[in-house]
Structure formats: C-alpha cells, structure tokens
Amino acid sequence: MDRKKFIQTGGRLMLLGGIIAASGYLVKNNRVTASCSVSPTCGNCGKYSKCELPQAEDFKSRKVTP
C-alpha cells in the first residue's frame, strides 16, 4: 500500500467512525424520531403492543375492546 492509499483509507475510516459515533449519540439521547414503516394499520403490526408513535396511540384509543 502506498502513502496516498494509506492516507485515503485512514481518512475514510475516520469519517466512517465519526458517522457511527454521531448516529450512536443521537440514538442514545433520543434525538431520532421513529416513523412507522411496518404497517399503516397498527393492528397488523408485530410491534403494536410496545409502540409509542402517535399513530399507534391514536389507534389504541379508538380500538373497541370486546
């Protein structure tokens, strides 16, 4: 590996590490909002019972229990 490739690879790895660290920070501090992409109808979703998204909360409040 020559000097130029070494510096390029090192720079790319540092950039990748920075992106991973920043995304980890945002996720850990709840700065990333979730959006439902599983199912537009909450009743069919496997994550329904623990979901705290507004759509799910609205669906839970409108759902009629027998």
C-alpha atoms as a PDB file:
ATOM      1  CA  MET A   1       0.000   0.000   0.000  1.00  0.00           C
ATOM      2  CA  ASP A   2       1.475   3.315  -0.993  1.00  0.00           C
ATOM      3  CA  ARG A   3       1.290   6.501   1.046  1.00  0.00           C
ATOM      4  CA  LYS A   4      -1.622   8.038  -0.884  1.00  0.00           C
ATOM      5  CA  LYS A   5      -3.867   4.979  -0.470  1.00  0.00           C
ATOM      6  CA  PHE A   6      -2.926   4.743   3.201  1.00  0.00           C
ATOM      7  CA  ILE A   7      -3.980   8.347   3.838  1.00  0.00           C
ATOM      8  CA  GLN A   8      -7.199   7.919   1.819  1.00  0.00           C
ATOM      9  CA  THR A   9      -8.115   4.732   3.668  1.00  0.00           C
ATOM     10  CA  GLY A  10      -7.336   6.331   7.027  1.00  0.00           C
ATOM     11  CA  GLY A  11      -9.477   9.353   6.161  1.00  0.00           C
ATOM     12  CA  ARG A  12     -12.390   7.176   5.076  1.00  0.00           C
ATOM     13  CA  LEU A  13     -12.182   5.109   8.259  1.00  0.00           C
ATOM     14  CA  MET A  14     -12.105   8.255  10.399  1.00  0.00           C
ATOM     15  CA  LEU A  15     -15.143   9.621   8.541  1.00  0.00           C
ATOM     16  CA  LEU A  16     -16.989   6.320   8.973  1.00  0.00           C
ATOM     17  CA  GLY A  17     -16.128   6.273  12.680  1.00  0.00           C
ATOM     18  CA  GLY A  18     -17.402   9.828  13.067  1.00  0.00           C
ATOM     19  CA  ILE A  19     -20.690   8.992  11.366  1.00  0.00           C
ATOM     20  CA  ILE A  20     -21.152   5.923  13.553  1.00  0.00           C
ATOM     21  CA  ALA A  21     -20.324   7.871  16.714  1.00  0.00           C
ATOM     22  CA  ALA A  22     -22.690  10.711  15.803  1.00  0.00           C
ATOM     23  CA  SER A  23     -25.558   8.366  14.984  1.00  0.00           C
ATOM     24  CA  GLY A  24     -24.970   6.434  18.202  1.00  0.00           C
ATOM     25  CA  TYR A  25     -25.072   9.679  20.166  1.00  0.00           C
ATOM     26  CA  LEU A  26     -28.327  10.750  18.523  1.00  0.00           C
ATOM     27  CA  VAL A  27     -29.994   7.386  19.097  1.00  0.00           C
ATOM     28  CA  LYS A  28     -28.793   7.169  22.710  1.00  0.00           C
ATOM     29  CA  ASN A  29     -30.119  10.636  23.546  1.00  0.00           C
ATOM     30  CA  ASN A  30     -33.483  10.028  21.815  1.00  0.00           C
ATOM     31  CA  ARG A  31     -32.916  12.743  19.243  1.00  0.00           C
ATOM     32  CA  VAL A  32     -34.010  10.463  16.415  1.00  0.00           C
ATOM     33  CA  THR A  33     -37.739  10.207  15.891  1.00  0.00           C
ATOM     34  CA  ALA A  34     -39.254   6.977  14.741  1.00  0.00           C
ATOM     35  CA  SER A  35     -41.658   6.591  11.909  1.00  0.00           C
ATOM     36  CA  CYS A  36     -43.731   3.556  11.230  1.00  0.00           C
ATOM     37  CA  SER A  37     -42.761   1.763   8.066  1.00  0.00           C
ATOM     38  CA  VAL A  38     -44.028  -1.677   9.027  1.00  0.00           C
ATOM     39  CA  SER A  39     -47.749  -1.391   8.529  1.00  0.00           C
ATOM     40  CA  PRO A  40     -50.105   1.545   8.022  1.00  0.00           C
ATOM     41  CA  THR A  41     -52.713  -0.360  10.032  1.00  0.00           C
ATOM     42  CA  CYS A  42     -51.405  -0.770  13.546  1.00  0.00           C
ATOM     43  CA  GLY A  43     -53.476  -3.850  14.343  1.00  0.00           C
ATOM     44  CA  ASN A  44     -51.389  -5.965  11.945  1.00  0.00           C
ATOM     45  CA  CYS A  45     -48.057  -4.764  13.304  1.00  0.00           C
ATOM     46  CA  GLY A  46     -45.873  -7.056  15.419  1.00  0.00           C
ATOM     47  CA  LYS A  47     -44.567  -4.083  17.427  1.00  0.00           C
ATOM     48  CA  TYR A  48     -48.064  -2.765  18.231  1.00  0.00           C
ATOM     49  CA  SER A  49     -48.121  -3.519  21.964  1.00  0.00           C
ATOM     50  CA  LYS A  50     -44.952  -1.516  22.724  1.00  0.00           C
ATOM     51  CA  CYS A  51     -45.306   1.174  20.059  1.00  0.00           C
ATOM     52  CA  GLU A  52     -45.443   4.765  21.318  1.00  0.00           C
ATOM     53  CA  LEU A  53     -45.866   6.533  17.993  1.00  0.00           C
ATOM     54  CA  PRO A  54     -48.829   8.917  17.701  1.00  0.00           C
ATOM     55  CA  GLN A  55     -50.494   6.741  15.051  1.00  0.00           C
ATOM     56  CA  ALA A  56     -50.401   3.720  17.355  1.00  0.00           C
ATOM     57  CA  GLU A  57     -51.613   5.661  20.375  1.00  0.00           C
ATOM     58  CA  ASP A  58     -54.497   7.033  18.324  1.00  0.00           C
ATOM     59  CA  PHE A  59     -55.327   3.571  17.019  1.00  0.00           C
ATOM     60  CA  LYS A  60     -55.213   2.113  20.547  1.00  0.00           C
ATOM     61  CA  SER A  61     -57.556   4.805  21.878  1.00  0.00           C
ATOM     62  CA  ARG A  62     -60.064   4.266  19.032  1.00  0.00           C
ATOM     63  CA  LYS A  63     -59.943   0.466  19.203  1.00  0.00           C
ATOM     64  CA  VAL A  64     -63.079  -1.043  20.692  1.00  0.00           C
ATOM     65  CA  THR A  65     -62.342  -3.935  23.030  1.00  0.00           C
ATOM     66  CA  PRO A  66     -64.942  -6.727  23.112  1.00  0.00           C
END
